[in-house]
Amino acid sequence: MPRYRILINGRNFLLEVEGSASKHGFYQTHWVEAKDSEAAQAAAIMRVRKSEDLKAATQNESTDAPMIFIEECEQILNFDSASANPTGLALYLEEAEA
């Protein structure tokens, strides 16, 4: 079955950092084995949505939901199943809207 590297960009996540709640985004790489790129992208997004740590940390109201986007999807030749877990979580502070 084909393997994919999926780069996720999460946006509009209201998170408390250093005692203050503010909007953040993040990048995270997911390694997925799926029948095609569409299935791989859907699987990566589902992993993010089901992340208990992320759900617990997110403080958004239902009227201001966070968003998840696919930045990159690349079929790769191989990956070690031991390293198939998501890698990195690079948070960034989103600028306030003017």
Protein backbone atom coordinates (compact mmCIF):
# COMPACT_ATOMS: atom_id res chain seq x y z
CA MET A 1 0.00 0.00 0.00
CA PRO A 2 1.37 3.50 -0.81
CA ARG A 3 2.85 5.64 1.94
CA TYR A 4 2.51 9.40 2.29
CA ARG A 5 4.04 12.30 4.17
CA ILE A 6 1.31 14.81 5.05
CA LEU A 7 2.09 18.28 6.38
CA ILE A 8 -0.85 19.63 8.40
CA ASN A 9 -1.44 23.30 9.17
CA GLY A 10 -3.86 23.92 12.03
CA ARG A 11 -5.19 27.46 12.41
CA ASN A 12 -7.36 29.45 14.78
CA PHE A 13 -6.67 27.32 17.86
CA LEU A 14 -7.37 29.25 21.07
CA LEU A 15 -4.71 27.96 23.46
CA GLU A 16 -3.51 29.07 26.87
CA VAL A 17 0.23 29.68 26.76
CA GLU A 18 2.08 31.12 29.75
CA GLY A 19 -1.19 32.01 31.49
CA SER A 20 -2.74 33.88 28.57
CA ALA A 21 -5.20 32.58 25.96
CA SER A 22 -4.42 33.54 22.38
CA LYS A 23 -4.93 32.22 18.86
CA HIS A 24 -2.26 29.87 17.57
CA GLY A 25 -1.58 27.82 14.52
CA PHE A 26 0.68 24.82 14.13
CA TYR A 27 2.45 22.61 11.64
CA GLN A 28 2.79 18.87 12.12
CA THR A 29 3.95 16.06 9.84
CA HIS A 30 1.98 12.83 9.66
CA TRP A 31 3.13 9.59 8.06
CA VAL A 32 0.23 7.62 6.58
CA GLU A 33 -0.24 4.38 4.70
CA ALA A 34 -3.35 4.56 2.50
CA LYS A 35 -4.77 3.45 -0.84
CA ASP A 36 -4.38 6.92 -2.38
CA SER A 37 -3.51 10.53 -1.53
CA GLU A 38 -7.12 11.50 -0.75
CA ALA A 39 -7.44 8.68 1.78
CA ALA A 40 -4.05 9.61 3.26
CA GLN A 41 -5.08 13.25 3.68
CA ALA A 42 -8.39 12.25 5.29
CA ALA A 43 -6.58 9.90 7.70
CA ALA A 44 -4.11 12.62 8.72
CA ILE A 45 -6.89 15.13 9.37
CA MET A 46 -8.80 12.55 11.41
CA ARG A 47 -5.72 11.91 13.55
CA VAL A 48 -5.50 15.60 14.38
CA ARG A 49 -9.23 15.84 15.14
CA LYS A 50 -9.03 12.81 17.45
CA SER A 51 -5.96 14.05 19.35
CA GLU A 52 -7.04 14.07 22.98
CA ASP A 53 -4.17 16.39 23.96
CA LEU A 54 -5.15 18.94 21.34
CA LYS A 55 -8.86 18.70 22.20
CA ALA A 56 -8.10 19.25 25.89
CA ALA A 57 -5.91 22.28 25.19
CA THR A 58 -8.24 24.00 22.70
CA GLN A 59 -10.55 26.61 24.23
CA ASN A 60 -12.47 27.77 21.14
CA GLU A 61 -16.20 28.47 21.29
CA SER A 62 -18.32 26.43 18.86
CA THR A 63 -18.95 29.59 16.82
CA ASP A 64 -15.19 30.09 16.28
CA ALA A 65 -13.95 26.62 15.40
CA PRO A 66 -10.30 25.80 14.66
CA MET A 67 -9.42 24.80 11.09
CA ILE A 68 -7.15 22.09 9.70
CA PHE A 69 -5.53 22.31 6.27
CA ILE A 70 -3.27 20.09 4.21
CA GLU A 71 -0.15 22.03 3.25
CA GLU A 72 1.69 19.17 1.51
CA CYS A 73 0.96 15.60 0.53
CA GLU A 74 3.84 13.59 -0.89
CA GLN A 75 3.96 9.91 -1.72
CA ILE A 76 7.15 8.40 -0.34
CA LEU A 77 8.90 5.12 -0.96
CA ASN A 78 9.13 3.91 2.60
CA PHE A 79 9.03 4.80 6.24
CA ASP A 80 9.86 2.84 9.33
CA SER A 81 6.62 1.84 11.06
CA ALA A 82 8.29 2.70 14.38
CA SER A 83 8.60 6.33 13.25
CA ALA A 84 5.15 6.53 11.63
CA ASN A 85 3.79 8.62 14.50
CA PRO A 86 3.24 12.34 13.91
CA THR A 87 6.46 14.31 14.21
CA GLY A 88 6.99 17.74 15.67
CA LEU A 89 4.35 20.24 16.60
CA ALA A 90 5.55 23.69 15.65
CA LEU A 91 3.23 26.27 17.24
CA TYR A 92 3.06 29.85 16.04
CA LEU A 93 1.14 32.85 17.33
CA GLU A 94 -1.46 34.11 14.89
CA GLU A 95 -1.65 37.86 14.45
CA ALA A 96 -4.76 39.60 15.74
CA GLU A 97 -7.14 40.71 13.02
CA ALA A 98 -7.18 44.45 12.40
